[in-house]
Amino acid sequence: MGVMTRITHAAEVVRLENRLNVPIVQVSLYANEDADAHYRLGQILESLRDEGILIIGAGMAVRNTADYRATKATDQGMPYTVTFEKALTETITAKPAERQAKMDALLKRHDTRDVHPTFNHLLPTHIAAGAAGLDVGKKLWDLPEGGINWAQYRFGTV
């Protein structure tokens, strides 16, 4: 199983603004779209939380930049922006025993390719969900905007 090894812009921004010099490690995504493999990777990382290490899954709830650009001037949202984010929220806030199957099902929805033409901004959520252990996810906020949705979720406390 190969891995994608480039530095993501999310990790790069954190590195550039790291005034406290906090150690940062980026975990690469596998070079496939296997939801279960990414979830299991998160499960491997779960024990790091016991050591006080914060795990951040930097992606997006909804990310279709082509539709975002096409609708930006109109303030018109895409229908999938709300429905997919709702499904993601239901998945993140599901009982931990149900979460892995629901995360896998999320990638198989009929609108998933509309929402995420590529999964590199969705699979970090699978890793974070796998690392959550028995914590139930909580939605902090969201902002639907055309073909994207800026949503944040949290597992556990900081």
C-alpha atoms as a PDB file:
ATOM      1  CA  MET A   1       0.000   0.000   0.000  1.00  0.00           C
ATOM      2  CA  GLY A   2       1.640   3.240  -1.123  1.00  0.00           C
ATOM      3  CA  VAL A   3       1.418   6.566   0.632  1.00  0.00           C
ATOM      4  CA  MET A   4       1.018  10.145  -0.537  1.00  0.00           C
ATOM      5  CA  THR A   5       4.118  11.917   0.754  1.00  0.00           C
ATOM      6  CA  ARG A   6       3.697  15.591  -0.076  1.00  0.00           C
ATOM      7  CA  ILE A   7       3.297  18.151   2.713  1.00  0.00           C
ATOM      8  CA  THR A   8      -0.290  19.373   2.801  1.00  0.00           C
ATOM      9  CA  HIS A   9      -1.003  23.073   2.903  1.00  0.00           C
ATOM     10  CA  ALA A  10      -2.787  22.563   6.249  1.00  0.00           C
ATOM     11  CA  ALA A  11       0.365  21.141   7.844  1.00  0.00           C
ATOM     12  CA  GLU A  12       2.516  23.781   6.170  1.00  0.00           C
ATOM     13  CA  VAL A  13       0.425  26.637   7.595  1.00  0.00           C
ATOM     14  CA  VAL A  14       0.659  25.175  11.098  1.00  0.00           C
ATOM     15  CA  ARG A  15       4.417  24.763  10.698  1.00  0.00           C
ATOM     16  CA  LEU A  16       4.865  28.360   9.523  1.00  0.00           C
ATOM     17  CA  GLU A  17       2.768  29.787  12.378  1.00  0.00           C
ATOM     18  CA  ASN A  18       4.320  27.592  15.085  1.00  0.00           C
ATOM     19  CA  ARG A  19       5.558  30.350  17.390  1.00  0.00           C
ATOM     20  CA  LEU A  20       5.673  28.022  20.412  1.00  0.00           C
ATOM     21  CA  ASN A  21       7.822  25.519  18.508  1.00  0.00           C
ATOM     22  CA  VAL A  22       5.415  22.656  19.201  1.00  0.00           C
ATOM     23  CA  PRO A  23       6.552  19.432  17.495  1.00  0.00           C
ATOM     24  CA  ILE A  24       4.361  18.679  14.461  1.00  0.00           C
ATOM     25  CA  VAL A  25       4.216  15.400  12.579  1.00  0.00           C
ATOM     26  CA  GLN A  26       2.141  14.961   9.434  1.00  0.00           C
ATOM     27  CA  VAL A  27       0.745  11.501   8.808  1.00  0.00           C
ATOM     28  CA  SER A  28       0.533  10.746   5.103  1.00  0.00           C
ATOM     29  CA  LEU A  29      -2.599   9.362   3.519  1.00  0.00           C
ATOM     30  CA  TYR A  30      -2.410   6.027   1.775  1.00  0.00           C
ATOM     31  CA  ALA A  31      -2.283   6.362  -2.009  1.00  0.00           C
ATOM     32  CA  ASN A  32      -5.706   4.724  -2.240  1.00  0.00           C
ATOM     33  CA  GLU A  33      -9.262   5.554  -1.241  1.00  0.00           C
ATOM     34  CA  ASP A  34      -9.742   2.720   1.254  1.00  0.00           C
ATOM     35  CA  ALA A  35     -11.844   4.219   4.053  1.00  0.00           C
ATOM     36  CA  ASP A  36     -11.255   1.244   6.333  1.00  0.00           C
ATOM     37  CA  ALA A  37      -7.453   1.388   5.960  1.00  0.00           C
ATOM     38  CA  HIS A  38      -7.441   5.081   6.886  1.00  0.00           C
ATOM     39  CA  TYR A  39      -9.748   4.431   9.854  1.00  0.00           C
ATOM     40  CA  ARG A  40      -7.435   1.631  11.056  1.00  0.00           C
ATOM     41  CA  LEU A  41      -4.459   3.996  10.721  1.00  0.00           C
ATOM     42  CA  GLY A  42      -6.275   6.289  13.131  1.00  0.00           C
ATOM     43  CA  GLN A  43      -6.822   3.384  15.518  1.00  0.00           C
ATOM     44  CA  ILE A  44      -3.065   2.812  15.547  1.00  0.00           C
ATOM     45  CA  LEU A  45      -2.552   6.464  16.512  1.00  0.00           C
ATOM     46  CA  GLU A  46      -5.187   6.441  19.280  1.00  0.00           C
ATOM     47  CA  SER A  47      -2.722   5.590  22.063  1.00  0.00           C
ATOM     48  CA  LEU A  48      -0.824   8.827  21.362  1.00  0.00           C
ATOM     49  CA  ARG A  49      -3.761  10.704  22.883  1.00  0.00           C
ATOM     50  CA  ASP A  50      -2.952   9.079  26.238  1.00  0.00           C
ATOM     51  CA  GLU A  51       0.439  10.794  26.025  1.00  0.00           C
ATOM     52  CA  GLY A  52      -1.166  14.212  25.604  1.00  0.00           C
ATOM     53  CA  ILE A  53      -0.641  14.350  21.861  1.00  0.00           C
ATOM     54  CA  LEU A  54      -3.312  16.231  19.937  1.00  0.00           C
ATOM     55  CA  ILE A  55      -4.419  14.570  16.700  1.00  0.00           C
ATOM     56  CA  ILE A  56      -5.818  16.943  14.086  1.00  0.00           C
ATOM     57  CA  GLY A  57      -7.554  15.676  10.961  1.00  0.00           C
ATOM     58  CA  ALA A  58      -7.166  18.635   8.609  1.00  0.00           C
ATOM     59  CA  GLY A  59      -9.568  18.210   5.719  1.00  0.00           C
ATOM     60  CA  MET A  60     -12.956  19.568   4.752  1.00  0.00           C
ATOM     61  CA  ALA A  61     -16.528  18.404   5.268  1.00  0.00           C
ATOM     62  CA  VAL A  62     -17.401  19.334   1.683  1.00  0.00           C
ATOM     63  CA  ARG A  63     -14.858  20.360  -0.942  1.00  0.00           C
ATOM     64  CA  ASN A  64     -15.700  20.847  -4.593  1.00  0.00           C
ATOM     65  CA  THR A  65     -13.633  23.847  -5.613  1.00  0.00           C
ATOM     66  CA  ALA A  66     -14.991  23.903  -9.178  1.00  0.00           C
ATOM     67  CA  ASP A  67     -18.558  24.314  -7.890  1.00  0.00           C
ATOM     68  CA  TYR A  68     -17.341  26.774  -5.276  1.00  0.00           C
ATOM     69  CA  ARG A  69     -15.825  29.004  -7.969  1.00  0.00           C
ATOM     70  CA  ALA A  70     -18.923  28.651 -10.173  1.00  0.00           C
ATOM     71  CA  THR A  71     -21.308  29.703  -7.383  1.00  0.00           C
ATOM     72  CA  LYS A  72     -19.143  32.187  -5.499  1.00  0.00           C
ATOM     73  CA  ALA A  73     -20.616  35.313  -7.092  1.00  0.00           C
ATOM     74  CA  THR A  74     -24.214  34.078  -6.790  1.00  0.00           C
ATOM     75  CA  ASP A  75     -24.391  33.096  -3.095  1.00  0.00           C
ATOM     76  CA  GLN A  76     -26.184  29.983  -4.326  1.00  0.00           C
ATOM     77  CA  GLY A  77     -25.217  26.813  -2.521  1.00  0.00           C
ATOM     78  CA  MET A  78     -25.064  23.380  -4.035  1.00  0.00           C
ATOM     79  CA  PRO A  79     -27.718  20.974  -2.684  1.00  0.00           C
ATOM     80  CA  TYR A  80     -25.101  18.394  -1.719  1.00  0.00           C
ATOM     81  CA  THR A  81     -23.317  20.876   0.548  1.00  0.00           C
ATOM     82  CA  VAL A  82     -25.983  20.592   3.238  1.00  0.00           C
ATOM     83  CA  THR A  83     -26.991  16.943   2.762  1.00  0.00           C
ATOM     84  CA  PHE A  84     -23.457  15.550   2.815  1.00  0.00           C
ATOM     85  CA  GLU A  85     -22.428  17.659   5.798  1.00  0.00           C
ATOM     86  CA  LYS A  86     -25.516  16.395   7.637  1.00  0.00           C
ATOM     87  CA  ALA A  87     -24.537  12.792   6.832  1.00  0.00           C
ATOM     88  CA  LEU A  88     -20.975  13.481   7.979  1.00  0.00           C
ATOM     89  CA  THR A  89     -22.259  14.969  11.231  1.00  0.00           C
ATOM     90  CA  GLU A  90     -24.494  11.934  11.834  1.00  0.00           C
ATOM     91  CA  THR A  91     -21.480   9.706  11.206  1.00  0.00           C
ATOM     92  CA  ILE A  92     -19.075  11.639  13.448  1.00  0.00           C
ATOM     93  CA  THR A  93     -21.625  11.825  16.282  1.00  0.00           C
ATOM     94  CA  ALA A  94     -22.639   8.159  16.005  1.00  0.00           C
ATOM     95  CA  LYS A  95     -21.951   5.647  18.746  1.00  0.00           C
ATOM     96  CA  PRO A  96     -18.306   4.568  18.575  1.00  0.00           C
ATOM     97  CA  ALA A  97     -19.329   0.950  17.865  1.00  0.00           C
ATOM     98  CA  GLU A  98     -21.143   2.118  14.703  1.00  0.00           C
ATOM     99  CA  ARG A  99     -18.681   4.758  13.539  1.00  0.00           C
ATOM    100  CA  GLN A 100     -16.274   2.688  11.432  1.00  0.00           C
ATOM    101  CA  ALA A 101     -19.041   1.175   9.281  1.00  0.00           C
ATOM    102  CA  LYS A 102     -20.678   4.581   8.892  1.00  0.00           C
ATOM    103  CA  MET A 103     -17.363   6.174   7.868  1.00  0.00           C
ATOM    104  CA  ASP A 104     -16.973   3.481   5.207  1.00  0.00           C
ATOM    105  CA  ALA A 105     -20.562   4.017   3.993  1.00  0.00           C
ATOM    106  CA  LEU A 106     -19.920   7.748   3.690  1.00  0.00           C
ATOM    107  CA  LEU A 107     -17.520   7.145   0.799  1.00  0.00           C
ATOM    108  CA  LYS A 108     -20.146   5.029  -0.981  1.00  0.00           C
ATOM    109  CA  ARG A 109     -22.922   7.634  -1.024  1.00  0.00           C
ATOM    110  CA  HIS A 110     -24.321   8.570  -4.447  1.00  0.00           C
ATOM    111  CA  ASP A 111     -23.188  12.190  -4.016  1.00  0.00           C
ATOM    112  CA  THR A 112     -19.725  11.611  -2.576  1.00  0.00           C
ATOM    113  CA  ARG A 113     -17.878  12.313  -5.847  1.00  0.00           C
ATOM    114  CA  ASP A 114     -19.855  15.542  -6.257  1.00  0.00           C
ATOM    115  CA  VAL A 115     -18.834  16.550  -2.755  1.00  0.00           C
ATOM    116  CA  HIS A 116     -15.237  15.322  -2.938  1.00  0.00           C
ATOM    117  CA  PRO A 117     -13.976  14.757  -6.506  1.00  0.00           C
ATOM    118  CA  THR A 118     -10.858  13.401  -4.767  1.00  0.00           C
ATOM    119  CA  PHE A 119     -10.845  12.071  -1.215  1.00  0.00           C
ATOM    120  CA  ASN A 120      -7.634  13.712   0.020  1.00  0.00           C
ATOM    121  CA  HIS A 121      -9.672  16.271   1.994  1.00  0.00           C
ATOM    122  CA  LEU A 122     -12.097  13.678   3.404  1.00  0.00           C
ATOM    123  CA  LEU A 123      -9.822  10.793   4.427  1.00  0.00           C
ATOM    124  CA  PRO A 124      -8.113  12.777   7.224  1.00  0.00           C
ATOM    125  CA  THR A 125     -11.536  12.683   8.902  1.00  0.00           C
ATOM    126  CA  HIS A 126     -11.404   8.888   8.771  1.00  0.00           C
ATOM    127  CA  ILE A 127      -8.007   8.878  10.476  1.00  0.00           C
ATOM    128  CA  ALA A 128      -9.221  11.257  13.192  1.00  0.00           C
ATOM    129  CA  ALA A 129     -12.380   9.183  13.707  1.00  0.00           C
ATOM    130  CA  GLY A 130     -10.296   6.032  14.045  1.00  0.00           C
ATOM    131  CA  ALA A 131      -8.079   7.741  16.619  1.00  0.00           C
ATOM    132  CA  ALA A 132     -11.133   8.835  18.619  1.00  0.00           C
ATOM    133  CA  GLY A 133     -11.527   5.503  20.377  1.00  0.00           C
ATOM    134  CA  LEU A 134     -14.647   5.551  22.544  1.00  0.00           C
ATOM    135  CA  ASP A 135     -15.142   9.316  22.326  1.00  0.00           C
ATOM    136  CA  VAL A 136     -18.313  10.467  20.608  1.00  0.00           C
ATOM    137  CA  GLY A 137     -17.752  13.228  18.087  1.00  0.00           C
ATOM    138  CA  LYS A 138     -19.235  16.672  18.460  1.00  0.00           C
ATOM    139  CA  LYS A 139     -19.901  19.239  15.762  1.00  0.00           C
ATOM    140  CA  LEU A 140     -18.442  22.615  16.722  1.00  0.00           C
ATOM    141  CA  TRP A 141     -19.681  24.704  13.781  1.00  0.00           C
ATOM    142  CA  ASP A 142     -20.151  24.777  10.032  1.00  0.00           C
ATOM    143  CA  LEU A 143     -20.347  27.310   7.241  1.00  0.00           C
ATOM    144  CA  PRO A 144     -21.772  26.120   3.904  1.00  0.00           C
ATOM    145  CA  GLU A 145     -20.461  28.209   1.045  1.00  0.00           C
ATOM    146  CA  GLY A 146     -21.303  27.177  -2.528  1.00  0.00           C
ATOM    147  CA  GLY A 147     -19.507  23.912  -3.280  1.00  0.00           C
ATOM    148  CA  ILE A 148     -17.693  23.755   0.059  1.00  0.00           C
ATOM    149  CA  ASN A 149     -18.593  23.496   3.717  1.00  0.00           C
ATOM    150  CA  TRP A 150     -16.254  24.607   6.444  1.00  0.00           C
ATOM    151  CA  ALA A 151     -17.231  22.305   9.312  1.00  0.00           C
ATOM    152  CA  GLN A 152     -15.298  21.457  12.449  1.00  0.00           C
ATOM    153  CA  TYR A 153     -15.734  18.453  14.698  1.00  0.00           C
ATOM    154  CA  ARG A 154     -14.029  17.324  17.866  1.00  0.00           C
ATOM    155  CA  PHE A 155     -13.539  14.022  19.645  1.00  0.00           C
ATOM    156  CA  GLY A 156     -12.803  14.297  23.358  1.00  0.00           C
ATOM    157  CA  THR A 157     -11.467  17.382  25.077  1.00  0.00           C
ATOM    158  CA  VAL A 158      -8.446  19.533  24.428  1.00  0.00           C
END
